[in-house]
Amino acid sequence: MSIFDDDLPQKQNITHIIGADLTLLSVDDLTARINILTAEIERLDGEREKKLAGRKAAENLFRTR
């Protein structure tokens, strides 16, 4: 760590609150939020698919008996 680390621009942690006012955001800010939300949707879809596969496997296990 350098004594000059404080001079570097800090990366902002971008969060999005559903229903928040968007009027003050730039096009770049909106694009960044869209990218974050798209990645989150993909992550949620992946988790849902895993859970659906687990449910289907459990249903098939109990149906065969």
PDB file of N, CA and C in Angstrom:
ATOM      1  N   MET A   1       0.830  -1.176   0.000  1.00  0.00           N
ATOM      2  CA  MET A   1       0.000   0.000   0.000  1.00  0.00           C
ATOM      3  C   MET A   1       0.878   1.244   0.000  1.00  0.00           C
ATOM      4  N   SER A   2       0.530   2.146  -0.822  1.00  0.00           N
ATOM      5  CA  SER A   2       1.298   3.376  -0.956  1.00  0.00           C
ATOM      6  C   SER A   2       0.638   4.493  -0.153  1.00  0.00           C
ATOM      7  N   ILE A   3       1.406   5.503   0.145  1.00  0.00           N
ATOM      8  CA  ILE A   3       0.822   6.650   0.845  1.00  0.00           C
ATOM      9  C   ILE A   3      -0.091   7.449  -0.086  1.00  0.00           C
ATOM     10  N   PHE A   4      -0.027   7.146  -1.371  1.00  0.00           N
ATOM     11  CA  PHE A   4      -0.828   7.871  -2.353  1.00  0.00           C
ATOM     12  C   PHE A   4      -2.112   7.135  -2.731  1.00  0.00           C
ATOM     13  N   ASP A   5      -2.430   6.013  -2.090  1.00  0.00           N
ATOM     14  CA  ASP A   5      -3.641   5.258  -2.412  1.00  0.00           C
ATOM     15  C   ASP A   5      -4.900   6.091  -2.216  1.00  0.00           C
ATOM     16  N   ASP A   6      -4.859   7.029  -1.291  1.00  0.00           N
ATOM     17  CA  ASP A   6      -6.028   7.868  -1.059  1.00  0.00           C
ATOM     18  C   ASP A   6      -6.315   8.794  -2.232  1.00  0.00           C
ATOM     19  N   ASP A   7      -5.316   9.023  -3.072  1.00  0.00           N
ATOM     20  CA  ASP A   7      -5.490   9.909  -4.216  1.00  0.00           C
ATOM     21  C   ASP A   7      -6.151   9.212  -5.399  1.00  0.00           C
ATOM     22  N   LEU A   8      -6.163   7.881  -5.390  1.00  0.00           N
ATOM     23  CA  LEU A   8      -6.763   7.141  -6.490  1.00  0.00           C
ATOM     24  C   LEU A   8      -8.277   7.247  -6.418  1.00  0.00           C
ATOM     25  N   PRO A   9      -8.941   7.307  -7.583  1.00  0.00           N
ATOM     26  CA  PRO A   9     -10.406   7.342  -7.549  1.00  0.00           C
ATOM     27  C   PRO A   9     -10.942   6.036  -6.962  1.00  0.00           C
ATOM     28  N   GLN A  10     -11.897   6.157  -6.090  1.00  0.00           N
ATOM     29  CA  GLN A  10     -12.489   4.994  -5.450  1.00  0.00           C
ATOM     30  C   GLN A  10     -13.595   4.427  -6.340  1.00  0.00           C
ATOM     31  N   LYS A  11     -13.597   3.112  -6.497  1.00  0.00           N
ATOM     32  CA  LYS A  11     -14.653   2.457  -7.264  1.00  0.00           C
ATOM     33  C   LYS A  11     -15.905   2.428  -6.400  1.00  0.00           C
ATOM     34  N   GLN A  12     -16.985   2.946  -6.950  1.00  0.00           N
ATOM     35  CA  GLN A  12     -18.227   2.983  -6.197  1.00  0.00           C
ATOM     36  C   GLN A  12     -18.910   1.625  -6.264  1.00  0.00           C
ATOM     37  N   ASN A  13     -19.472   1.222  -5.149  1.00  0.00           N
ATOM     38  CA  ASN A  13     -20.264   0.007  -5.113  1.00  0.00           C
ATOM     39  C   ASN A  13     -21.666   0.376  -5.576  1.00  0.00           C
ATOM     40  N   ILE A  14     -22.022  -0.061  -6.764  1.00  0.00           N
ATOM     41  CA  ILE A  14     -23.302   0.313  -7.345  1.00  0.00           C
ATOM     42  C   ILE A  14     -24.375  -0.636  -6.830  1.00  0.00           C
ATOM     43  N   THR A  15     -25.407  -0.065  -6.278  1.00  0.00           N
ATOM     44  CA  THR A  15     -26.562  -0.845  -5.870  1.00  0.00           C
ATOM     45  C   THR A  15     -27.780  -0.242  -6.531  1.00  0.00           C
ATOM     46  N   HIS A  16     -28.802  -1.031  -6.619  1.00  0.00           N
ATOM     47  CA  HIS A  16     -30.028  -0.522  -7.219  1.00  0.00           C
ATOM     48  C   HIS A  16     -31.182  -0.830  -6.286  1.00  0.00           C
ATOM     49  N   ILE A  17     -31.969   0.156  -6.027  1.00  0.00           N
ATOM     50  CA  ILE A  17     -33.167  -0.009  -5.211  1.00  0.00           C
ATOM     51  C   ILE A  17     -34.363   0.025  -6.155  1.00  0.00           C
ATOM     52  N   ILE A  18     -35.151  -1.021  -6.108  1.00  0.00           N
ATOM     53  CA  ILE A  18     -36.336  -1.108  -6.967  1.00  0.00           C
ATOM     54  C   ILE A  18     -37.250   0.080  -6.673  1.00  0.00           C
ATOM     55  N   GLY A  19     -37.650   0.761  -7.724  1.00  0.00           N
ATOM     56  CA  GLY A  19     -38.547   1.903  -7.584  1.00  0.00           C
ATOM     57  C   GLY A  19     -37.854   3.223  -7.297  1.00  0.00           C
ATOM     58  N   ALA A  20     -36.527   3.216  -7.219  1.00  0.00           N
ATOM     59  CA  ALA A  20     -35.793   4.446  -6.928  1.00  0.00           C
ATOM     60  C   ALA A  20     -35.914   5.438  -8.092  1.00  0.00           C
ATOM     61  N   ASP A  21     -35.760   6.704  -7.770  1.00  0.00           N
ATOM     62  CA  ASP A  21     -35.797   7.763  -8.781  1.00  0.00           C
ATOM     63  C   ASP A  21     -34.579   7.626  -9.692  1.00  0.00           C
ATOM     64  N   LEU A  22     -34.810   7.592 -10.988  1.00  0.00           N
ATOM     65  CA  LEU A  22     -33.739   7.399 -11.964  1.00  0.00           C
ATOM     66  C   LEU A  22     -33.354   8.680 -12.694  1.00  0.00           C
ATOM     67  N   THR A  23     -34.035   9.773 -12.414  1.00  0.00           N
ATOM     68  CA  THR A  23     -33.846  10.994 -13.195  1.00  0.00           C
ATOM     69  C   THR A  23     -32.446  11.586 -13.084  1.00  0.00           C
ATOM     70  N   LEU A  24     -31.749  11.368 -11.997  1.00  0.00           N
ATOM     71  CA  LEU A  24     -30.423  11.962 -11.822  1.00  0.00           C
ATOM     72  C   LEU A  24     -29.297  11.075 -12.336  1.00  0.00           C
ATOM     73  N   LEU A  25     -29.617   9.900 -12.849  1.00  0.00           N
ATOM     74  CA  LEU A  25     -28.590   8.978 -13.325  1.00  0.00           C
ATOM     75  C   LEU A  25     -28.225   9.279 -14.774  1.00  0.00           C
ATOM     76  N   SER A  26     -26.950   9.133 -15.076  1.00  0.00           N
ATOM     77  CA  SER A  26     -26.486   9.321 -16.454  1.00  0.00           C
ATOM     78  C   SER A  26     -26.769   8.058 -17.261  1.00  0.00           C
ATOM     79  N   VAL A  27     -26.567   8.161 -18.553  1.00  0.00           N
ATOM     80  CA  VAL A  27     -26.735   6.999 -19.427  1.00  0.00           C
ATOM     81  C   VAL A  27     -25.771   5.890 -19.010  1.00  0.00           C
ATOM     82  N   ASP A  28     -24.536   6.256 -18.678  1.00  0.00           N
ATOM     83  CA  ASP A  28     -23.563   5.260 -18.223  1.00  0.00           C
ATOM     84  C   ASP A  28     -23.996   4.601 -16.920  1.00  0.00           C
ATOM     85  N   ASP A  29     -24.547   5.378 -16.005  1.00  0.00           N
ATOM     86  CA  ASP A  29     -25.041   4.823 -14.744  1.00  0.00           C
ATOM     87  C   ASP A  29     -26.194   3.855 -14.995  1.00  0.00           C
ATOM     88  N   LEU A  30     -27.097   4.250 -15.867  1.00  0.00           N
ATOM     89  CA  LEU A  30     -28.229   3.374 -16.190  1.00  0.00           C
ATOM     90  C   LEU A  30     -27.755   2.081 -16.842  1.00  0.00           C
ATOM     91  N   THR A  31     -26.793   2.197 -17.746  1.00  0.00           N
ATOM     92  CA  THR A  31     -26.239   1.012 -18.404  1.00  0.00           C
ATOM     93  C   THR A  31     -25.581   0.089 -17.388  1.00  0.00           C
ATOM     94  N   ALA A  32     -24.845   0.668 -16.454  1.00  0.00           N
ATOM     95  CA  ALA A  32     -24.194  -0.133 -15.414  1.00  0.00           C
ATOM     96  C   ALA A  32     -25.229  -0.864 -14.566  1.00  0.00           C
ATOM     97  N   ARG A  33     -26.295  -0.195 -14.216  1.00  0.00           N
ATOM     98  CA  ARG A  33     -27.341  -0.830 -13.421  1.00  0.00           C
ATOM     99  C   ARG A  33     -28.049  -1.924 -14.209  1.00  0.00           C
ATOM    100  N   ILE A  34     -28.284  -1.679 -15.488  1.00  0.00           N
ATOM    101  CA  ILE A  34     -28.897  -2.713 -16.329  1.00  0.00           C
ATOM    102  C   ILE A  34     -28.005  -3.947 -16.370  1.00  0.00           C
ATOM    103  N   ASN A  35     -26.703  -3.733 -16.517  1.00  0.00           N
ATOM    104  CA  ASN A  35     -25.759  -4.865 -16.541  1.00  0.00           C
ATOM    105  C   ASN A  35     -25.766  -5.625 -15.222  1.00  0.00           C
ATOM    106  N   ILE A  36     -25.796  -4.902 -14.122  1.00  0.00           N
ATOM    107  CA  ILE A  36     -25.842  -5.541 -12.808  1.00  0.00           C
ATOM    108  C   ILE A  36     -27.126  -6.356 -12.654  1.00  0.00           C
ATOM    109  N   LEU A  37     -28.238  -5.765 -13.025  1.00  0.00           N
ATOM    110  CA  LEU A  37     -29.515  -6.455 -12.874  1.00  0.00           C
ATOM    111  C   LEU A  37     -29.632  -7.645 -13.827  1.00  0.00           C
ATOM    112  N   THR A  38     -29.093  -7.529 -15.023  1.00  0.00           N
ATOM    113  CA  THR A  38     -29.095  -8.648 -15.972  1.00  0.00           C
ATOM    114  C   THR A  38     -28.277  -9.808 -15.417  1.00  0.00           C
ATOM    115  N   ALA A  39     -27.116  -9.503 -14.860  1.00  0.00           N
ATOM    116  CA  ALA A  39     -26.286 -10.548 -14.258  1.00  0.00           C
ATOM    117  C   ALA A  39     -27.008 -11.193 -13.078  1.00  0.00           C
ATOM    118  N   GLU A  40     -27.713 -10.402 -12.303  1.00  0.00           N
ATOM    119  CA  GLU A  40     -28.455 -10.939 -11.158  1.00  0.00           C
ATOM    120  C   GLU A  40     -29.603 -11.833 -11.621  1.00  0.00           C
ATOM    121  N   ILE A  41     -30.286 -11.444 -12.689  1.00  0.00           N
ATOM    122  CA  ILE A  41     -31.360 -12.279 -13.243  1.00  0.00           C
ATOM    123  C   ILE A  41     -30.788 -13.616 -13.708  1.00  0.00           C
ATOM    124  N   GLU A  42     -29.648 -13.583 -14.372  1.00  0.00           N
ATOM    125  CA  GLU A  42     -29.012 -14.823 -14.818  1.00  0.00           C
ATOM    126  C   GLU A  42     -28.631 -15.695 -13.632  1.00  0.00           C
ATOM    127  N   ARG A  43     -28.141 -15.087 -12.570  1.00  0.00           N
ATOM    128  CA  ARG A  43     -27.771 -15.839 -11.367  1.00  0.00           C
ATOM    129  C   ARG A  43     -29.004 -16.469 -10.727  1.00  0.00           C
ATOM    130  N   LEU A  44     -30.094 -15.697 -10.663  1.00  0.00           N
ATOM    131  CA  LEU A  44     -31.340 -16.213 -10.106  1.00  0.00           C
ATOM    132  C   LEU A  44     -31.904 -17.351 -10.958  1.00  0.00           C
ATOM    133  N   ASP A  45     -31.860 -17.195 -12.274  1.00  0.00           N
ATOM    134  CA  ASP A  45     -32.331 -18.261 -13.170  1.00  0.00           C
ATOM    135  C   ASP A  45     -31.522 -19.536 -12.972  1.00  0.00           C
ATOM    136  N   GLY A  46     -30.205 -19.398 -12.833  1.00  0.00           N
ATOM    137  CA  GLY A  46     -29.354 -20.560 -12.615  1.00  0.00           C
ATOM    138  C   GLY A  46     -29.703 -21.286 -11.326  1.00  0.00           C
ATOM    139  N   GLU A  47     -29.916 -20.524 -10.266  1.00  0.00           N
ATOM    140  CA  GLU A  47     -30.276 -21.128  -8.977  1.00  0.00           C
ATOM    141  C   GLU A  47     -31.648 -21.792  -9.055  1.00  0.00           C
ATOM    142  N   ARG A  48     -32.581 -21.141  -9.755  1.00  0.00           N
ATOM    143  CA  ARG A  48     -33.917 -21.729  -9.915  1.00  0.00           C
ATOM    144  C   ARG A  48     -33.830 -23.047 -10.658  1.00  0.00           C
ATOM    145  N   GLU A  49     -33.009 -23.090 -11.711  1.00  0.00           N
ATOM    146  CA  GLU A  49     -32.856 -24.327 -12.477  1.00  0.00           C
ATOM    147  C   GLU A  49     -32.294 -25.454 -11.612  1.00  0.00           C
ATOM    148  N   LYS A  50     -31.327 -25.136 -10.760  1.00  0.00           N
ATOM    149  CA  LYS A  50     -30.771 -26.143  -9.843  1.00  0.00           C
ATOM    150  C   LYS A  50     -31.846 -26.674  -8.906  1.00  0.00           C
ATOM    151  N   LYS A  51     -32.653 -25.773  -8.371  1.00  0.00           N
ATOM    152  CA  LYS A  51     -33.687 -26.178  -7.425  1.00  0.00           C
ATOM    153  C   LYS A  51     -34.790 -26.974  -8.128  1.00  0.00           C
ATOM    154  N   LEU A  52     -35.127 -26.586  -9.338  1.00  0.00           N
ATOM    155  CA  LEU A  52     -36.123 -27.350 -10.092  1.00  0.00           C
ATOM    156  C   LEU A  52     -35.616 -28.755 -10.401  1.00  0.00           C
ATOM    157  N   ALA A  53     -34.338 -28.872 -10.740  1.00  0.00           N
ATOM    158  CA  ALA A  53     -33.753 -30.185 -11.007  1.00  0.00           C
ATOM    159  C   ALA A  53     -33.775 -31.038  -9.741  1.00  0.00           C
ATOM    160  N   GLY A  54     -33.476 -30.446  -8.600  1.00  0.00           N
ATOM    161  CA  GLY A  54     -33.529 -31.171  -7.337  1.00  0.00           C
ATOM    162  C   GLY A  54     -34.939 -31.611  -6.998  1.00  0.00           C
ATOM    163  N   ARG A  55     -35.896 -30.737  -7.237  1.00  0.00           N
ATOM    164  CA  ARG A  55     -37.297 -31.084  -6.984  1.00  0.00           C
ATOM    165  C   ARG A  55     -37.744 -32.226  -7.889  1.00  0.00           C
ATOM    166  N   LYS A  56     -37.377 -32.132  -9.157  1.00  0.00           N
ATOM    167  CA  LYS A  56     -37.769 -33.174 -10.108  1.00  0.00           C
ATOM    168  C   LYS A  56     -37.135 -34.514  -9.727  1.00  0.00           C
ATOM    169  N   ALA A  57     -35.875 -34.498  -9.310  1.00  0.00           N
ATOM    170  CA  ALA A  57     -35.206 -35.725  -8.885  1.00  0.00           C
ATOM    171  C   ALA A  57     -35.904 -36.321  -7.667  1.00  0.00           C
ATOM    172  N   ALA A  58     -36.297 -35.490  -6.720  1.00  0.00           N
ATOM    173  CA  ALA A  58     -36.997 -35.977  -5.525  1.00  0.00           C
ATOM    174  C   ALA A  58     -38.361 -36.538  -5.898  1.00  0.00           C
ATOM    175  N   GLU A  59     -39.087 -35.855  -6.768  1.00  0.00           N
ATOM    176  CA  GLU A  59     -40.385 -36.362  -7.205  1.00  0.00           C
ATOM    177  C   GLU A  59     -40.240 -37.703  -7.911  1.00  0.00           C
ATOM    178  N   ASN A  60     -39.235 -37.836  -8.763  1.00  0.00           N
ATOM    179  CA  ASN A  60     -39.027 -39.103  -9.463  1.00  0.00           C
ATOM    180  C   ASN A  60     -38.641 -40.209  -8.493  1.00  0.00           C
ATOM    181  N   LEU A  61     -37.886 -39.900  -7.484  1.00  0.00           N
ATOM    182  CA  LEU A  61     -37.494 -40.893  -6.484  1.00  0.00           C
ATOM    183  C   LEU A  61     -38.711 -41.430  -5.756  1.00  0.00           C
ATOM    184  N   PHE A  62     -39.609 -40.549  -5.367  1.00  0.00           N
ATOM    185  CA  PHE A  62     -40.778 -40.994  -4.611  1.00  0.00           C
ATOM    186  C   PHE A  62     -41.848 -41.607  -5.506  1.00  0.00           C
ATOM    187  N   ARG A  63     -41.873 -41.295  -6.766  1.00  0.00           N
ATOM    188  CA  ARG A  63     -42.845 -41.889  -7.695  1.00  0.00           C
ATOM    189  C   ARG A  63     -42.511 -43.343  -8.016  1.00  0.00           C
ATOM    190  N   THR A  64     -41.232 -43.668  -7.981  1.00  0.00           N
ATOM    191  CA  THR A  64     -40.826 -45.025  -8.386  1.00  0.00           C
ATOM    192  C   THR A  64     -41.087 -46.046  -7.293  1.00  0.00           C
ATOM    193  N   ARG A  65     -41.416 -45.615  -6.117  1.00  0.00           N
ATOM    194  CA  ARG A  65     -41.651 -46.563  -5.024  1.00  0.00           C
ATOM    195  C   ARG A  65     -43.086 -46.841  -4.830  1.00  0.00           C
TER     196      ARG A  65
END
